[in-house]
C-alpha atoms as a PDB file:
ATOM      1  CA  MET A   1     196.898 180.247  76.832  1.00  0.00           C
ATOM      2  CA  GLY A   2     197.364 179.784  73.088  1.00  0.00           C
ATOM      3  CA  HIS A   3     198.664 176.516  71.551  1.00  0.00           C
ATOM      4  CA  GLN A   4     202.194 177.732  71.750  1.00  0.00           C
ATOM      5  CA  GLU A   5     202.236 177.852  75.334  1.00  0.00           C
ATOM      6  CA  ILE A   6     200.102 174.634  75.774  1.00  0.00           C
ATOM      7  CA  TYR A   7     203.088 173.289  73.727  1.00  0.00           C
ATOM      8  CA  GLY A   8     205.622 174.748  75.712  1.00  0.00           C
ATOM      9  CA  ILE A   9     204.333 172.807  79.006  1.00  0.00           C
ATOM     10  CA  LEU A  10     204.052 169.561  76.552  1.00  0.00           C
ATOM     11  CA  HIS A  11     207.664 170.042  75.805  1.00  0.00           C
ATOM     12  CA  GLU A  12     208.700 170.458  79.562  1.00  0.00           C
ATOM     13  CA  TRP A  13     206.903 167.486  80.294  1.00  0.00           C
ATOM     14  CA  LEU A  14     208.437 165.187  77.947  1.00  0.00           C
ATOM     15  CA  ILE A  15     211.947 166.324  79.043  1.00  0.00           C
ATOM     16  CA  ASN A  16     210.985 165.401  82.483  1.00  0.00           C
ATOM     17  CA  ASP A  17     209.055 161.912  82.123  1.00  0.00           C
ATOM     18  CA  PHE A  18     211.368 160.303  79.088  1.00  0.00           C
ATOM     19  CA  GLN A  19     214.796 160.592  79.639  1.00  0.00           C
ATOM     20  CA  LYS A  20     215.154 157.356  77.496  1.00  0.00           C
ATOM     21  CA  PRO A  21     214.193 156.836  74.120  1.00  0.00           C
ATOM     22  CA  PHE A  22     210.592 156.801  73.266  1.00  0.00           C
ATOM     23  CA  SER A  23     207.980 155.979  70.516  1.00  0.00           C
ATOM     24  CA  MET A  24     204.880 158.076  69.969  1.00  0.00           C
ATOM     25  CA  LEU A  25     201.920 157.992  67.938  1.00  0.00           C
ATOM     26  CA  GLU A  26     199.788 161.387  67.253  1.00  0.00           C
ATOM     27  CA  LEU A  27     196.212 161.290  66.695  1.00  0.00           C
ATOM     28  CA  GLY A  28     195.042 163.918  64.176  1.00  0.00           C
ATOM     29  CA  CYS A  29     198.594 165.164  63.674  1.00  0.00           C
ATOM     30  CA  GLY A  30     197.642 167.900  61.130  1.00  0.00           C
ATOM     31  CA  ASP A  31     200.801 169.289  60.161  1.00  0.00           C
ATOM     32  CA  ALA A  32     202.780 168.515  63.254  1.00  0.00           C
ATOM     33  CA  SER A  33     204.107 172.023  63.714  1.00  0.00           C
ATOM     34  CA  PHE A  34     203.571 172.733  67.072  1.00  0.00           C
ATOM     35  CA  THR A  35     204.717 168.771  68.129  1.00  0.00           C
ATOM     36  CA  ALA A  36     207.505 169.161  66.357  1.00  0.00           C
ATOM     37  CA  GLN A  37     208.838 172.192  68.102  1.00  0.00           C
ATOM     38  CA  ALA A  38     207.799 170.047  71.693  1.00  0.00           C
ATOM     39  CA  LEU A  39     209.666 167.084  70.637  1.00  0.00           C
ATOM     40  CA  SER A  40     213.077 169.279  69.992  1.00  0.00           C
ATOM     41  CA  ASN A  41     215.736 168.330  72.144  1.00  0.00           C
ATOM     42  CA  THR A  42     213.823 165.180  73.522  1.00  0.00           C
ATOM     43  CA  THR A  43     214.710 161.494  73.271  1.00  0.00           C
ATOM     44  CA  ILE A  44     212.279 160.633  70.630  1.00  0.00           C
ATOM     45  CA  ALA A  45     213.201 157.636  68.987  1.00  0.00           C
ATOM     46  CA  SER A  46     210.177 156.830  66.648  1.00  0.00           C
ATOM     47  CA  TYR A  47     207.016 159.079  65.465  1.00  0.00           C
ATOM     48  CA  GLN A  48     204.034 158.291  63.616  1.00  0.00           C
ATOM     49  CA  GLY A  49     201.426 160.525  62.899  1.00  0.00           C
ATOM     50  CA  ILE A  50     197.834 159.989  61.132  1.00  0.00           C
ATOM     51  CA  ASP A  51     195.511 162.200  59.806  1.00  0.00           C
ATOM     52  CA  LEU A  52     192.700 162.410  57.288  1.00  0.00           C
ATOM     53  CA  SER A  53     194.368 165.581  55.027  1.00  0.00           C
ATOM     54  CA  GLU A  54     197.320 164.415  52.528  1.00  0.00           C
ATOM     55  CA  ALA A  55     198.537 168.031  52.368  1.00  0.00           C
ATOM     56  CA  ALA A  56     198.805 168.251  56.155  1.00  0.00           C
ATOM     57  CA  LEU A  57     200.812 165.008  56.191  1.00  0.00           C
ATOM     58  CA  LEU A  58     203.395 166.276  53.632  1.00  0.00           C
ATOM     59  CA  ILE A  59     203.608 169.346  55.730  1.00  0.00           C
ATOM     60  CA  ALA A  60     204.113 167.123  59.169  1.00  0.00           C
ATOM     61  CA  GLN A  61     206.580 165.177  57.103  1.00  0.00           C
ATOM     62  CA  SER A  62     208.669 168.278  56.275  1.00  0.00           C
ATOM     63  CA  ASN A  63     208.221 169.879  60.053  1.00  0.00           C
ATOM     64  CA  MET A  64     209.577 166.626  61.610  1.00  0.00           C
ATOM     65  CA  GLU A  65     212.618 166.327  59.047  1.00  0.00           C
ATOM     66  CA  HIS A  66     215.023 168.183  61.831  1.00  0.00           C
ATOM     67  CA  LEU A  67     214.116 165.448  64.716  1.00  0.00           C
ATOM     68  CA  PRO A  68     216.710 162.251  65.149  1.00  0.00           C
ATOM     69  CA  CYS A  69     214.079 159.984  64.851  1.00  0.00           C
ATOM     70  CA  ALA A  70     212.103 157.300  62.418  1.00  0.00           C
ATOM     71  CA  THR A  71     208.986 158.867  61.312  1.00  0.00           C
ATOM     72  CA  THR A  72     205.899 157.535  59.445  1.00  0.00           C
ATOM     73  CA  PHE A  73     202.513 158.913  58.469  1.00  0.00           C
ATOM     74  CA  ALA A  74     199.291 157.442  57.637  1.00  0.00           C
ATOM     75  CA  LYS A  75     196.256 159.063  55.771  1.00  0.00           C
ATOM     76  CA  GLY A  76     192.757 157.871  56.981  1.00  0.00           C
ATOM     77  CA  GLU A  77     190.099 158.030  59.348  1.00  0.00           C
ATOM     78  CA  LEU A  78     190.825 158.097  62.991  1.00  0.00           C
ATOM     79  CA  SER A  79     188.956 155.176  64.370  1.00  0.00           C
ATOM     80  CA  GLU A  80     189.961 153.029  61.038  1.00  0.00           C
ATOM     81  CA  ILE A  81     193.675 153.463  61.349  1.00  0.00           C
ATOM     82  CA  VAL A  82     193.416 152.756  64.844  1.00  0.00           C
ATOM     83  CA  LEU A  83     191.730 149.483  64.556  1.00  0.00           C
ATOM     84  CA  GLU A  84     194.202 148.877  61.579  1.00  0.00           C
ATOM     85  CA  LEU A  85     197.102 149.455  64.003  1.00  0.00           C
ATOM     86  CA  VAL A  86     195.625 147.006  66.622  1.00  0.00           C
ATOM     87  CA  GLN A  87     194.887 144.126  64.463  1.00  0.00           C
ATOM     88  CA  ASN A  88     198.257 144.628  62.691  1.00  0.00           C
ATOM     89  CA  GLN A  89     200.068 144.863  66.111  1.00  0.00           C
ATOM     90  CA  GLN A  90     203.622 145.917  64.188  1.00  0.00           C
ATOM     91  CA  GLU A  91     204.180 148.529  67.050  1.00  0.00           C
ATOM     92  CA  ASN A  92     203.296 149.315  70.555  1.00  0.00           C
ATOM     93  CA  PHE A  93     203.908 152.690  71.771  1.00  0.00           C
ATOM     94  CA  ASP A  94     205.404 154.614  74.906  1.00  0.00           C
ATOM     95  CA  LEU A  95     203.225 157.671  74.395  1.00  0.00           C
ATOM     96  CA  ILE A  96     200.168 158.376  72.224  1.00  0.00           C
ATOM     97  CA  LEU A  97     199.301 162.088  71.792  1.00  0.00           C
ATOM     98  CA  GLY A  98     195.536 163.361  71.017  1.00  0.00           C
ATOM     99  CA  SER A  99     195.747 166.890  70.482  1.00  0.00           C
ATOM    100  CA  PHE A 100     192.364 168.847  69.588  1.00  0.00           C
ATOM    101  CA  VAL A 101     190.913 165.933  67.852  1.00  0.00           C
ATOM    102  CA  LEU A 102     188.752 163.573  69.921  1.00  0.00           C
ATOM    103  CA  HIS A 103     186.400 166.419  70.484  1.00  0.00           C
ATOM    104  CA  HIS A 104     185.046 165.908  66.645  1.00  0.00           C
ATOM    105  CA  LEU A 105     184.181 162.317  67.407  1.00  0.00           C
ATOM    106  CA  SER A 106     180.601 161.070  68.813  1.00  0.00           C
ATOM    107  CA  PHE A 107     180.446 159.661  72.016  1.00  0.00           C
ATOM    108  CA  GLU A 108     180.522 156.149  70.920  1.00  0.00           C
ATOM    109  CA  GLN A 109     183.389 157.070  68.545  1.00  0.00           C
ATOM    110  CA  LYS A 110     185.461 158.247  71.798  1.00  0.00           C
ATOM    111  CA  ASP A 111     184.782 154.782  73.580  1.00  0.00           C
ATOM    112  CA  PHE A 112     186.013 152.915  70.530  1.00  0.00           C
ATOM    113  CA  VAL A 113     189.344 154.788  70.179  1.00  0.00           C
ATOM    114  CA  MET A 114     190.020 154.980  73.627  1.00  0.00           C
ATOM    115  CA  GLY A 115     189.287 151.073  73.703  1.00  0.00           C
ATOM    116  CA  LYS A 116     191.780 150.430  71.108  1.00  0.00           C
ATOM    117  CA  LEU A 117     194.390 152.888  72.495  1.00  0.00           C
ATOM    118  CA  SER A 118     195.165 150.662  75.571  1.00  0.00           C
ATOM    119  CA  HIS A 119     196.350 147.771  73.386  1.00  0.00           C
ATOM    120  CA  LEU A 120     198.414 150.184  71.333  1.00  0.00           C
ATOM    121  CA  LEU A 121     200.290 151.023  74.356  1.00  0.00           C
ATOM    122  CA  LYS A 122     203.263 149.263  75.947  1.00  0.00           C
ATOM    123  CA  ASN A 123     202.992 148.353  79.798  1.00  0.00           C
ATOM    124  CA  GLY A 124     203.097 151.862  82.036  1.00  0.00           C
ATOM    125  CA  GLY A 125     202.312 153.651  78.392  1.00  0.00           C
ATOM    126  CA  ILE A 126     200.779 157.014  78.912  1.00  0.00           C
ATOM    127  CA  PHE A 127     197.682 158.359  76.797  1.00  0.00           C
ATOM    128  CA  LEU A 128     197.926 162.534  76.576  1.00  0.00           C
ATOM    129  CA  LEU A 129     194.952 164.228  75.769  1.00  0.00           C
ATOM    130  CA  ILE A 130     194.914 168.034  74.593  1.00  0.00           C
ATOM    131  CA  ASP A 131     191.739 169.230  74.326  1.00  0.00           C
ATOM    132  CA  VAL A 132     188.240 171.401  74.884  1.00  0.00           C
ATOM    133  CA  PHE A 133     185.971 170.079  77.743  1.00  0.00           C
ATOM    134  CA  ARG A 134     182.386 171.273  78.577  1.00  0.00           C
ATOM    135  CA  SER A 135     182.032 171.507  82.685  1.00  0.00           C
ATOM    136  CA  GLU A 136     180.623 168.994  84.738  1.00  0.00           C
ATOM    137  CA  ASN A 137     176.890 168.889  84.145  1.00  0.00           C
ATOM    138  CA  GLU A 138     177.088 171.328  81.187  1.00  0.00           C
ATOM    139  CA  LYS A 139     174.704 170.749  77.939  1.00  0.00           C
ATOM    140  CA  ARG A 140     176.822 171.103  74.619  1.00  0.00           C
ATOM    141  CA  GLU A 141     174.472 174.218  73.723  1.00  0.00           C
ATOM    142  CA  ASP A 142     175.770 175.865  76.967  1.00  0.00           C
ATOM    143  CA  TYR A 143     179.060 174.982  76.065  1.00  0.00           C
ATOM    144  CA  LEU A 144     179.073 176.046  72.494  1.00  0.00           C
ATOM    145  CA  LYS A 145     177.439 179.492  74.026  1.00  0.00           C
ATOM    146  CA  ARG A 146     179.859 180.095  76.586  1.00  0.00           C
ATOM    147  CA  TYR A 147     182.858 179.140  74.427  1.00  0.00           C
ATOM    148  CA  LEU A 148     181.652 181.123  71.233  1.00  0.00           C
ATOM    149  CA  GLU A 149     181.388 184.027  73.654  1.00  0.00           C
ATOM    150  CA  ASP A 150     184.767 183.807  74.541  1.00  0.00           C
ATOM    151  CA  VAL A 151     186.060 183.814  71.258  1.00  0.00           C
ATOM    152  CA  ARG A 152     184.119 186.995  70.514  1.00  0.00           C
ATOM    153  CA  LYS A 153     185.880 188.504  73.313  1.00  0.00           C
ATOM    154  CA  ASN A 154     189.421 187.497  72.779  1.00  0.00           C
ATOM    155  CA  TRP A 155     189.704 186.851  69.307  1.00  0.00           C
ATOM    156  CA  SER A 156     189.640 190.407  68.484  1.00  0.00           C
ATOM    157  CA  GLN A 157     191.930 190.066  65.020  1.00  0.00           C
ATOM    158  CA  LEU A 158     188.760 188.058  63.719  1.00  0.00           C
ATOM    159  CA  THR A 159     186.737 189.994  61.089  1.00  0.00           C
ATOM    160  CA  PRO A 160     182.884 189.692  61.466  1.00  0.00           C
ATOM    161  CA  GLN A 161     183.123 187.371  58.003  1.00  0.00           C
ATOM    162  CA  GLU A 162     185.569 185.005  59.800  1.00  0.00           C
ATOM    163  CA  TYR A 163     184.069 184.960  63.172  1.00  0.00           C
ATOM    164  CA  SER A 164     180.809 183.458  61.124  1.00  0.00           C
ATOM    165  CA  LEU A 165     182.946 180.569  59.869  1.00  0.00           C
ATOM    166  CA  VAL A 166     184.458 179.909  62.950  1.00  0.00           C
ATOM    167  CA  GLU A 167     181.293 179.590  64.470  1.00  0.00           C
ATOM    168  CA  GLU A 168     179.650 177.582  61.919  1.00  0.00           C
ATOM    169  CA  HIS A 169     182.521 174.840  62.402  1.00  0.00           C
ATOM    170  CA  ILE A 170     182.418 175.034  65.781  1.00  0.00           C
ATOM    171  CA  LYS A 171     178.491 174.460  65.931  1.00  0.00           C
ATOM    172  CA  LYS A 172     178.813 171.734  63.319  1.00  0.00           C
ATOM    173  CA  SER A 173     181.874 170.033  64.525  1.00  0.00           C
ATOM    174  CA  ASP A 174     182.783 170.405  68.278  1.00  0.00           C
ATOM    175  CA  PHE A 175     181.185 167.299  70.617  1.00  0.00           C
ATOM    176  CA  PRO A 176     183.307 167.959  73.869  1.00  0.00           C
ATOM    177  CA  GLU A 177     182.535 165.538  76.682  1.00  0.00           C
ATOM    178  CA  THR A 178     183.452 166.277  80.341  1.00  0.00           C
ATOM    179  CA  GLN A 179     186.691 165.383  82.314  1.00  0.00           C
ATOM    180  CA  GLU A 180     184.513 163.194  84.757  1.00  0.00           C
ATOM    181  CA  ILE A 181     183.436 161.373  81.109  1.00  0.00           C
ATOM    182  CA  PHE A 182     186.894 161.067  79.849  1.00  0.00           C
ATOM    183  CA  TYR A 183     188.048 159.770  83.212  1.00  0.00           C
ATOM    184  CA  SER A 184     185.336 157.170  83.275  1.00  0.00           C
ATOM    185  CA  LEU A 185     186.311 155.992  79.950  1.00  0.00           C
ATOM    186  CA  ALA A 186     189.926 155.388  80.873  1.00  0.00           C
ATOM    187  CA  THR A 187     189.016 153.254  83.733  1.00  0.00           C
ATOM    188  CA  LYS A 188     186.598 151.242  81.428  1.00  0.00           C
ATOM    189  CA  HIS A 189     189.628 150.453  79.397  1.00  0.00           C
ATOM    190  CA  GLY A 190     191.952 149.750  81.656  1.00  0.00           C
ATOM    191  CA  PHE A 191     193.765 152.761  82.599  1.00  0.00           C
ATOM    192  CA  THR A 192     194.798 152.981  86.093  1.00  0.00           C
ATOM    193  CA  LYS A 193     195.724 156.446  86.903  1.00  0.00           C
ATOM    194  CA  LYS A 194     194.580 159.843  85.549  1.00  0.00           C
ATOM    195  CA  GLU A 195     195.850 163.430  86.283  1.00  0.00           C
ATOM    196  CA  CYS A 196     195.070 167.033  84.591  1.00  0.00           C
ATOM    197  CA  LEU A 197     198.597 168.448  83.961  1.00  0.00           C
ATOM    198  CA  TYR A 198     196.809 171.766  82.687  1.00  0.00           C
ATOM    199  CA  HIS A 199     193.735 173.659  82.480  1.00  0.00           C
ATOM    200  CA  ASP A 200     192.698 177.063  81.510  1.00  0.00           C
ATOM    201  CA  ALA A 201     191.176 179.851  83.452  1.00  0.00           C
ATOM    202  CA  LEU A 202     187.653 178.590  81.928  1.00  0.00           C
ATOM    203  CA  ASP A 203     188.531 174.790  82.250  1.00  0.00           C
ATOM    204  CA  THR A 204     187.518 174.366  78.799  1.00  0.00           C
ATOM    205  CA  THR A 205     191.204 173.923  77.538  1.00  0.00           C
ATOM    206  CA  GLN A 206     192.564 170.949  79.222  1.00  0.00           C
ATOM    207  CA  MET A 207     195.629 168.544  79.050  1.00  0.00           C
ATOM    208  CA  LEU A 208     194.958 164.887  80.640  1.00  0.00           C
ATOM    209  CA  CYS A 209     197.493 162.048  81.266  1.00  0.00           C
ATOM    210  CA  PHE A 210     196.149 158.597  81.127  1.00  0.00           C
ATOM    211  CA  TYR A 211     198.601 155.877  82.443  1.00  0.00           C
ATOM    212  CA  LEU A 212     198.406 152.035  81.529  1.00  0.00           C
ATOM    213  CA  LYS A 213     199.245 149.985  84.305  1.00  0.00           C
ATOM    214  CA  GLY A 214     203.270 149.338  84.631  1.00  0.00           C
ATOM    215  CA  LYS A 215     206.450 150.927  85.111  1.00  0.00           C
ATOM    216  CA  ASN A 216     207.168 153.813  82.202  1.00  0.00           C
ATOM    217  CA  SER A 217     210.343 152.125  81.246  1.00  0.00           C
ATOM    218  CA  CYS A 218     211.314 155.515  79.506  1.00  0.00           C
ATOM    219  CA  LYS A 219     211.907 157.534  82.944  1.00  0.00           C
END
């Protein structure tokens, strides 16, 4: 399943679970093109996006313009911005989205970020994680081999040179965890309920929901 389909599932979930105005923080928003589509015709009231790329944030600002909500963007390293938000404590969010971003972090960084997110959510708030995952008991090297084999078979539009670039990037930058590791981190940091909203045939791409204790005031 591609990004378009995954964000279609996200859109339906937002429609069903957020019937009242809600605030959202997106980690590693990039150009926010898929997020902007997923937020169309929802009750989004305010949106904040974080990313390292100033160029991507400029495009994200343009992509979000059609939505009837307040938008703000922050450029910087994810862990640093999240810590600043906690320290400033200017706003708590109903929903935090991390889409294909946490697998670039080390385990220690993931642990740190998850710990801060629980302080940025309102009671009953939700952290939604869309990302790639290792299978249980699968080592990173075995995951990389399995994932790249799938890329080789199914990304037929790539030239050999493009595949080499993808392979180099993935081997250098991808550090996925298992679903159970994220469930354990969520419990450690105060999330009381976890569920999987989507997984692909290989259990590689998943959409996980982590709920803080309390009632979702936007439903």
